[in-house]
Amino acid sequence: MGKAKVRLNSNYVITLDRVKDLCGEDFLEQCIIPEVLKNEKQLQEWKELFNLEVKSKNDLIEKTTYYGKLIMEKNGENYQ
């Protein structure tokens, strides 16, 4: 028999709204959002790919969600 394979890494993509639905708003606000905002590699990737500067929780909502798009359009701002 062959050697058992060991998985060293798994990568998943899940949207923040699903995290909120599954784990609750407190978990999202206290655990997930701070980690997202500390992840310089992710923030740089959003900047390069989508021209998004995400520096705060409000930026995550306003610049990355449909709800945010509606708010920005209502205020006459450009949504990218």
PDB file of N, CA and C in Angstrom:
ATOM      1  N   MET A   1       0.819  -1.181   0.000  1.00  0.00           N
ATOM      2  CA  MET A   1       0.000   0.000   0.000  1.00  0.00           C
ATOM      3  C   MET A   1       0.869   1.254   0.000  1.00  0.00           C
ATOM      4  N   GLY A   2       0.368   2.316  -0.631  1.00  0.00           N
ATOM      5  CA  GLY A   2       1.106   3.561  -0.707  1.00  0.00           C
ATOM      6  C   GLY A   2       1.016   4.374   0.571  1.00  0.00           C
ATOM      7  N   LYS A   3       1.842   5.346   0.625  1.00  0.00           N
ATOM      8  CA  LYS A   3       1.897   6.245   1.777  1.00  0.00           C
ATOM      9  C   LYS A   3       0.649   7.141   1.792  1.00  0.00           C
ATOM     10  N   ALA A   4       0.091   7.377   2.951  1.00  0.00           N
ATOM     11  CA  ALA A   4      -1.082   8.235   3.083  1.00  0.00           C
ATOM     12  C   ALA A   4      -0.713   9.673   2.714  1.00  0.00           C
ATOM     13  N   LYS A   5      -1.594  10.316   1.984  1.00  0.00           N
ATOM     14  CA  LYS A   5      -1.364  11.711   1.606  1.00  0.00           C
ATOM     15  C   LYS A   5      -1.799  12.622   2.750  1.00  0.00           C
ATOM     16  N   VAL A   6      -1.017  13.642   2.979  1.00  0.00           N
ATOM     17  CA  VAL A   6      -1.311  14.602   4.034  1.00  0.00           C
ATOM     18  C   VAL A   6      -1.551  15.958   3.393  1.00  0.00           C
ATOM     19  N   ARG A   7      -2.654  16.578   3.740  1.00  0.00           N
ATOM     20  CA  ARG A   7      -2.962  17.911   3.221  1.00  0.00           C
ATOM     21  C   ARG A   7      -2.363  18.936   4.169  1.00  0.00           C
ATOM     22  N   LEU A   8      -1.505  19.776   3.625  1.00  0.00           N
ATOM     23  CA  LEU A   8      -0.839  20.780   4.443  1.00  0.00           C
ATOM     24  C   LEU A   8      -1.569  22.114   4.445  1.00  0.00           C
ATOM     25  N   ASN A   9      -2.384  22.347   3.415  1.00  0.00           N
ATOM     26  CA  ASN A   9      -3.009  23.651   3.288  1.00  0.00           C
ATOM     27  C   ASN A   9      -4.324  23.513   2.534  1.00  0.00           C
ATOM     28  N   SER A  10      -5.307  24.261   2.938  1.00  0.00           N
ATOM     29  CA  SER A  10      -6.581  24.355   2.232  1.00  0.00           C
ATOM     30  C   SER A  10      -6.938  25.821   2.130  1.00  0.00           C
ATOM     31  N   ASN A  11      -7.452  26.219   0.999  1.00  0.00           N
ATOM     32  CA  ASN A  11      -7.863  27.601   0.794  1.00  0.00           C
ATOM     33  C   ASN A  11      -9.333  27.630   0.400  1.00  0.00           C
ATOM     34  N   TYR A  12     -10.100  28.419   1.103  1.00  0.00           N
ATOM     35  CA  TYR A  12     -11.517  28.557   0.827  1.00  0.00           C
ATOM     36  C   TYR A  12     -11.834  30.035   0.638  1.00  0.00           C
ATOM     37  N   VAL A  13     -12.852  30.297  -0.164  1.00  0.00           N
ATOM     38  CA  VAL A  13     -13.354  31.651  -0.337  1.00  0.00           C
ATOM     39  C   VAL A  13     -14.787  31.659   0.166  1.00  0.00           C
ATOM     40  N   ILE A  14     -15.060  32.595   1.060  1.00  0.00           N
ATOM     41  CA  ILE A  14     -16.417  32.755   1.574  1.00  0.00           C
ATOM     42  C   ILE A  14     -16.664  34.248   1.745  1.00  0.00           C
ATOM     43  N   THR A  15     -17.819  34.683   1.338  1.00  0.00           N
ATOM     44  CA  THR A  15     -18.128  36.108   1.429  1.00  0.00           C
ATOM     45  C   THR A  15     -18.479  36.479   2.874  1.00  0.00           C
ATOM     46  N   LEU A  16     -18.245  37.735   3.203  1.00  0.00           N
ATOM     47  CA  LEU A  16     -18.482  38.191   4.580  1.00  0.00           C
ATOM     48  C   LEU A  16     -19.951  38.090   4.971  1.00  0.00           C
ATOM     49  N   ASP A  17     -20.853  38.259   4.022  1.00  0.00           N
ATOM     50  CA  ASP A  17     -22.268  38.135   4.361  1.00  0.00           C
ATOM     51  C   ASP A  17     -22.607  36.706   4.787  1.00  0.00           C
ATOM     52  N   ARG A  18     -21.943  35.714   4.183  1.00  0.00           N
ATOM     53  CA  ARG A  18     -22.165  34.323   4.578  1.00  0.00           C
ATOM     54  C   ARG A  18     -21.573  34.052   5.964  1.00  0.00           C
ATOM     55  N   VAL A  19     -20.426  34.640   6.251  1.00  0.00           N
ATOM     56  CA  VAL A  19     -19.848  34.489   7.593  1.00  0.00           C
ATOM     57  C   VAL A  19     -20.831  35.046   8.618  1.00  0.00           C
ATOM     58  N   LYS A  20     -21.374  36.205   8.318  1.00  0.00           N
ATOM     59  CA  LYS A  20     -22.335  36.832   9.233  1.00  0.00           C
ATOM     60  C   LYS A  20     -23.563  35.947   9.419  1.00  0.00           C
ATOM     61  N   ASP A  21     -24.087  35.398   8.304  1.00  0.00           N
ATOM     62  CA  ASP A  21     -25.262  34.532   8.390  1.00  0.00           C
ATOM     63  C   ASP A  21     -24.982  33.269   9.194  1.00  0.00           C
ATOM     64  N   LEU A  22     -23.819  32.688   8.999  1.00  0.00           N
ATOM     65  CA  LEU A  22     -23.499  31.409   9.633  1.00  0.00           C
ATOM     66  C   LEU A  22     -22.991  31.545  11.072  1.00  0.00           C
ATOM     67  N   CYS A  23     -22.254  32.624  11.347  1.00  0.00           N
ATOM     68  CA  CYS A  23     -21.576  32.741  12.647  1.00  0.00           C
ATOM     69  C   CYS A  23     -22.057  33.900  13.500  1.00  0.00           C
ATOM     70  N   GLY A  24     -22.789  34.812  12.921  1.00  0.00           N
ATOM     71  CA  GLY A  24     -23.295  35.954  13.662  1.00  0.00           C
ATOM     72  C   GLY A  24     -22.477  37.217  13.450  1.00  0.00           C
ATOM     73  N   GLU A  25     -23.132  38.331  13.652  1.00  0.00           N
ATOM     74  CA  GLU A  25     -22.504  39.631  13.435  1.00  0.00           C
ATOM     75  C   GLU A  25     -21.368  39.895  14.420  1.00  0.00           C
ATOM     76  N   ASP A  26     -21.517  39.465  15.672  1.00  0.00           N
ATOM     77  CA  ASP A  26     -20.452  39.690  16.653  1.00  0.00           C
ATOM     78  C   ASP A  26     -19.153  39.009  16.228  1.00  0.00           C
ATOM     79  N   PHE A  27     -19.255  37.764  15.778  1.00  0.00           N
ATOM     80  CA  PHE A  27     -18.062  37.046  15.322  1.00  0.00           C
ATOM     81  C   PHE A  27     -17.428  37.756  14.133  1.00  0.00           C
ATOM     82  N   LEU A  28     -18.251  38.184  13.199  1.00  0.00           N
ATOM     83  CA  LEU A  28     -17.750  38.902  12.023  1.00  0.00           C
ATOM     84  C   LEU A  28     -17.022  40.174  12.436  1.00  0.00           C
ATOM     85  N   GLU A  29     -17.659  40.959  13.287  1.00  0.00           N
ATOM     86  CA  GLU A  29     -17.103  42.259  13.686  1.00  0.00           C
ATOM     87  C   GLU A  29     -15.883  42.139  14.594  1.00  0.00           C
ATOM     88  N   GLN A  30     -15.869  41.158  15.473  1.00  0.00           N
ATOM     89  CA  GLN A  30     -14.780  41.057  16.448  1.00  0.00           C
ATOM     90  C   GLN A  30     -13.616  40.197  15.975  1.00  0.00           C
ATOM     91  N   CYS A  31     -13.887  39.224  15.117  1.00  0.00           N
ATOM     92  CA  CYS A  31     -12.831  38.275  14.731  1.00  0.00           C
ATOM     93  C   CYS A  31     -12.397  38.391  13.278  1.00  0.00           C
ATOM     94  N   ILE A  32     -13.343  38.455  12.381  1.00  0.00           N
ATOM     95  CA  ILE A  32     -13.015  38.380  10.958  1.00  0.00           C
ATOM     96  C   ILE A  32     -12.566  39.726  10.389  1.00  0.00           C
ATOM     97  N   ILE A  33     -13.343  40.771  10.583  1.00  0.00           N
ATOM     98  CA  ILE A  33     -13.007  42.066   9.982  1.00  0.00           C
ATOM     99  C   ILE A  33     -11.646  42.576  10.437  1.00  0.00           C
ATOM    100  N   PRO A  34     -11.308  42.494  11.723  1.00  0.00           N
ATOM    101  CA  PRO A  34      -9.959  42.934  12.112  1.00  0.00           C
ATOM    102  C   PRO A  34      -8.847  42.145  11.401  1.00  0.00           C
ATOM    103  N   GLU A  35      -9.057  40.842  11.201  1.00  0.00           N
ATOM    104  CA  GLU A  35      -8.059  40.026  10.500  1.00  0.00           C
ATOM    105  C   GLU A  35      -7.949  40.425   9.034  1.00  0.00           C
ATOM    106  N   VAL A  36      -9.070  40.711   8.407  1.00  0.00           N
ATOM    107  CA  VAL A  36      -9.053  41.158   7.010  1.00  0.00           C
ATOM    108  C   VAL A  36      -8.274  42.458   6.893  1.00  0.00           C
ATOM    109  N   LEU A  37      -8.532  43.385   7.806  1.00  0.00           N
ATOM    110  CA  LEU A  37      -7.880  44.698   7.736  1.00  0.00           C
ATOM    111  C   LEU A  37      -6.387  44.628   8.064  1.00  0.00           C
ATOM    112  N   LYS A  38      -5.933  43.582   8.740  1.00  0.00           N
ATOM    113  CA  LYS A  38      -4.509  43.405   9.032  1.00  0.00           C
ATOM    114  C   LYS A  38      -3.774  42.674   7.913  1.00  0.00           C
ATOM    115  N   ASN A  39      -4.514  42.096   6.971  1.00  0.00           N
ATOM    116  CA  ASN A  39      -3.913  41.297   5.917  1.00  0.00           C
ATOM    117  C   ASN A  39      -3.441  42.188   4.773  1.00  0.00           C
ATOM    118  N   GLU A  40      -2.202  42.659   4.895  1.00  0.00           N
ATOM    119  CA  GLU A  40      -1.643  43.597   3.914  1.00  0.00           C
ATOM    120  C   GLU A  40      -1.621  43.016   2.499  1.00  0.00           C
ATOM    121  N   LYS A  41      -1.359  41.731   2.400  1.00  0.00           N
ATOM    122  CA  LYS A  41      -1.319  41.086   1.087  1.00  0.00           C
ATOM    123  C   LYS A  41      -2.690  41.161   0.396  1.00  0.00           C
ATOM    124  N   GLN A  42      -3.756  40.905   1.153  1.00  0.00           N
ATOM    125  CA  GLN A  42      -5.108  40.988   0.604  1.00  0.00           C
ATOM    126  C   GLN A  42      -5.451  42.417   0.226  1.00  0.00           C
ATOM    127  N   LEU A  43      -5.137  43.359   1.095  1.00  0.00           N
ATOM    128  CA  LEU A  43      -5.444  44.760   0.817  1.00  0.00           C
ATOM    129  C   LEU A  43      -4.715  45.242  -0.435  1.00  0.00           C
ATOM    130  N   GLN A  44      -3.459  44.825  -0.598  1.00  0.00           N
ATOM    131  CA  GLN A  44      -2.685  45.199  -1.785  1.00  0.00           C
ATOM    132  C   GLN A  44      -3.284  44.574  -3.040  1.00  0.00           C
ATOM    133  N   GLU A  45      -3.737  43.344  -2.934  1.00  0.00           N
ATOM    134  CA  GLU A  45      -4.339  42.676  -4.088  1.00  0.00           C
ATOM    135  C   GLU A  45      -5.609  43.390  -4.532  1.00  0.00           C
ATOM    136  N   TRP A  46      -6.456  43.795  -3.580  1.00  0.00           N
ATOM    137  CA  TRP A  46      -7.659  44.548  -3.933  1.00  0.00           C
ATOM    138  C   TRP A  46      -7.297  45.861  -4.604  1.00  0.00           C
ATOM    139  N   LYS A  47      -6.238  46.498  -4.110  1.00  0.00           N
ATOM    140  CA  LYS A  47      -5.804  47.768  -4.701  1.00  0.00           C
ATOM    141  C   LYS A  47      -5.338  47.559  -6.143  1.00  0.00           C
ATOM    142  N   GLU A  48      -4.545  46.523  -6.366  1.00  0.00           N
ATOM    143  CA  GLU A  48      -4.019  46.272  -7.708  1.00  0.00           C
ATOM    144  C   GLU A  48      -5.104  45.789  -8.676  1.00  0.00           C
ATOM    145  N   LEU A  49      -5.954  44.890  -8.223  1.00  0.00           N
ATOM    146  CA  LEU A  49      -6.956  44.301  -9.117  1.00  0.00           C
ATOM    147  C   LEU A  49      -8.171  45.190  -9.353  1.00  0.00           C
ATOM    148  N   PHE A  50      -8.617  45.870  -8.300  1.00  0.00           N
ATOM    149  CA  PHE A  50      -9.876  46.602  -8.384  1.00  0.00           C
ATOM    150  C   PHE A  50      -9.766  48.094  -8.099  1.00  0.00           C
ATOM    151  N   ASN A  51      -8.546  48.573  -7.865  1.00  0.00           N
ATOM    152  CA  ASN A  51      -8.320  49.973  -7.526  1.00  0.00           C
ATOM    153  C   ASN A  51      -9.125  50.372  -6.281  1.00  0.00           C
ATOM    154  N   LEU A  52      -9.159  49.476  -5.286  1.00  0.00           N
ATOM    155  CA  LEU A  52      -9.877  49.727  -4.037  1.00  0.00           C
ATOM    156  C   LEU A  52      -8.902  49.947  -2.900  1.00  0.00           C
ATOM    157  N   GLU A  53      -9.058  51.045  -2.218  1.00  0.00           N
ATOM    158  CA  GLU A  53      -8.286  51.323  -1.000  1.00  0.00           C
ATOM    159  C   GLU A  53      -9.172  50.972   0.190  1.00  0.00           C
ATOM    160  N   VAL A  54      -8.880  49.872   0.857  1.00  0.00           N
ATOM    161  CA  VAL A  54      -9.660  49.435   2.009  1.00  0.00           C
ATOM    162  C   VAL A  54      -8.820  49.658   3.255  1.00  0.00           C
ATOM    163  N   LYS A  55      -9.290  50.597   4.099  1.00  0.00           N
ATOM    164  CA  LYS A  55      -8.548  50.943   5.306  1.00  0.00           C
ATOM    165  C   LYS A  55      -9.375  50.789   6.580  1.00  0.00           C
ATOM    166  N   SER A  56     -10.676  50.558   6.421  1.00  0.00           N
ATOM    167  CA  SER A  56     -11.542  50.467   7.596  1.00  0.00           C
ATOM    168  C   SER A  56     -12.717  49.537   7.321  1.00  0.00           C
ATOM    169  N   LYS A  57     -13.461  49.262   8.372  1.00  0.00           N
ATOM    170  CA  LYS A  57     -14.674  48.445   8.250  1.00  0.00           C
ATOM    171  C   LYS A  57     -15.650  49.102   7.283  1.00  0.00           C
ATOM    172  N   ASN A  58     -15.782  50.403   7.363  1.00  0.00           N
ATOM    173  CA  ASN A  58     -16.697  51.108   6.467  1.00  0.00           C
ATOM    174  C   ASN A  58     -16.272  50.959   5.008  1.00  0.00           C
ATOM    175  N   ASP A  59     -14.970  50.969   4.759  1.00  0.00           N
ATOM    176  CA  ASP A  59     -14.485  50.758   3.391  1.00  0.00           C
ATOM    177  C   ASP A  59     -14.895  49.385   2.878  1.00  0.00           C
ATOM    178  N   LEU A  60     -14.825  48.379   3.740  1.00  0.00           N
ATOM    179  CA  LEU A  60     -15.235  47.035   3.319  1.00  0.00           C
ATOM    180  C   LEU A  60     -16.689  47.026   2.889  1.00  0.00           C
ATOM    181  N   ILE A  61     -17.534  47.711   3.633  1.00  0.00           N
ATOM    182  CA  ILE A  61     -18.962  47.747   3.320  1.00  0.00           C
ATOM    183  C   ILE A  61     -19.231  48.630   2.112  1.00  0.00           C
ATOM    184  N   GLU A  62     -18.678  49.835   2.111  1.00  0.00           N
ATOM    185  CA  GLU A  62     -18.986  50.802   1.068  1.00  0.00           C
ATOM    186  C   GLU A  62     -18.357  50.467  -0.280  1.00  0.00           C
ATOM    187  N   LYS A  63     -17.190  49.848  -0.271  1.00  0.00           N
ATOM    188  CA  LYS A  63     -16.473  49.650  -1.524  1.00  0.00           C
ATOM    189  C   LYS A  63     -16.566  48.227  -2.081  1.00  0.00           C
ATOM    190  N   THR A  64     -17.089  47.298  -1.305  1.00  0.00           N
ATOM    191  CA  THR A  64     -17.076  45.917  -1.780  1.00  0.00           C
ATOM    192  C   THR A  64     -18.453  45.258  -1.799  1.00  0.00           C
ATOM    193  N   THR A  65     -19.522  46.000  -1.515  1.00  0.00           N
ATOM    194  CA  THR A  65     -20.848  45.383  -1.488  1.00  0.00           C
ATOM    195  C   THR A  65     -21.828  46.131  -2.381  1.00  0.00           C
ATOM    196  N   TYR A  66     -22.866  45.434  -2.766  1.00  0.00           N
ATOM    197  CA  TYR A  66     -23.924  46.062  -3.554  1.00  0.00           C
ATOM    198  C   TYR A  66     -24.594  47.170  -2.740  1.00  0.00           C
ATOM    199  N   TYR A  67     -24.783  46.934  -1.456  1.00  0.00           N
ATOM    200  CA  TYR A  67     -25.348  47.946  -0.569  1.00  0.00           C
ATOM    201  C   TYR A  67     -24.490  49.217  -0.601  1.00  0.00           C
ATOM    202  N   GLY A  68     -23.178  49.024  -0.544  1.00  0.00           N
ATOM    203  CA  GLY A  68     -22.268  50.160  -0.607  1.00  0.00           C
ATOM    204  C   GLY A  68     -22.372  50.892  -1.925  1.00  0.00           C
ATOM    205  N   LYS A  69     -22.546  50.149  -3.002  1.00  0.00           N
ATOM    206  CA  LYS A  69     -22.704  50.763  -4.329  1.00  0.00           C
ATOM    207  C   LYS A  69     -23.921  51.680  -4.333  1.00  0.00           C
ATOM    208  N   LEU A  70     -25.018  51.213  -3.771  1.00  0.00           N
ATOM    209  CA  LEU A  70     -26.228  52.036  -3.728  1.00  0.00           C
ATOM    210  C   LEU A  70     -26.015  53.310  -2.925  1.00  0.00           C
ATOM    211  N   ILE A  71     -25.308  53.201  -1.794  1.00  0.00           N
ATOM    212  CA  ILE A  71     -25.023  54.377  -0.967  1.00  0.00           C
ATOM    213  C   ILE A  71     -24.168  55.375  -1.749  1.00  0.00           C
ATOM    214  N   MET A  72     -23.117  54.876  -2.403  1.00  0.00           N
ATOM    215  CA  MET A  72     -22.220  55.772  -3.130  1.00  0.00           C
ATOM    216  C   MET A  72     -22.937  56.436  -4.304  1.00  0.00           C
ATOM    217  N   GLU A  73     -23.761  55.691  -5.025  1.00  0.00           N
ATOM    218  CA  GLU A  73     -24.509  56.273  -6.139  1.00  0.00           C
ATOM    219  C   GLU A  73     -25.478  57.341  -5.641  1.00  0.00           C
ATOM    220  N   LYS A  74     -26.122  57.085  -4.506  1.00  0.00           N
ATOM    221  CA  LYS A  74     -27.045  58.048  -3.912  1.00  0.00           C
ATOM    222  C   LYS A  74     -26.312  59.340  -3.554  1.00  0.00           C
ATOM    223  N   ASN A  75     -25.062  59.216  -3.099  1.00  0.00           N
ATOM    224  CA  ASN A  75     -24.269  60.379  -2.733  1.00  0.00           C
ATOM    225  C   ASN A  75     -23.534  61.006  -3.912  1.00  0.00           C
ATOM    226  N   GLY A  76     -23.759  60.469  -5.115  1.00  0.00           N
ATOM    227  CA  GLY A  76     -23.109  61.020  -6.298  1.00  0.00           C
ATOM    228  C   GLY A  76     -21.646  60.655  -6.426  1.00  0.00           C
ATOM    229  N   GLU A  77     -21.207  59.587  -5.742  1.00  0.00           N
ATOM    230  CA  GLU A  77     -19.815  59.178  -5.794  1.00  0.00           C
ATOM    231  C   GLU A  77     -19.630  58.103  -6.852  1.00  0.00           C
ATOM    232  N   ASN A  78     -18.408  57.985  -7.354  1.00  0.00           N
ATOM    233  CA  ASN A  78     -18.068  56.971  -8.347  1.00  0.00           C
ATOM    234  C   ASN A  78     -17.825  55.635  -7.673  1.00  0.00           C
ATOM    235  N   TYR A  79     -18.491  54.595  -8.149  1.00  0.00           N
ATOM    236  CA  TYR A  79     -18.318  53.246  -7.603  1.00  0.00           C
ATOM    237  C   TYR A  79     -17.463  52.461  -8.569  1.00  0.00           C
ATOM    238  N   GLN A  80     -16.388  51.846  -8.066  1.00  0.00           N
ATOM    239  CA  GLN A  80     -15.531  51.034  -8.940  1.00  0.00           C
ATOM    240  C   GLN A  80     -15.632  49.603  -8.565  1.00  0.00           C
TER     241      GLN A  80
END
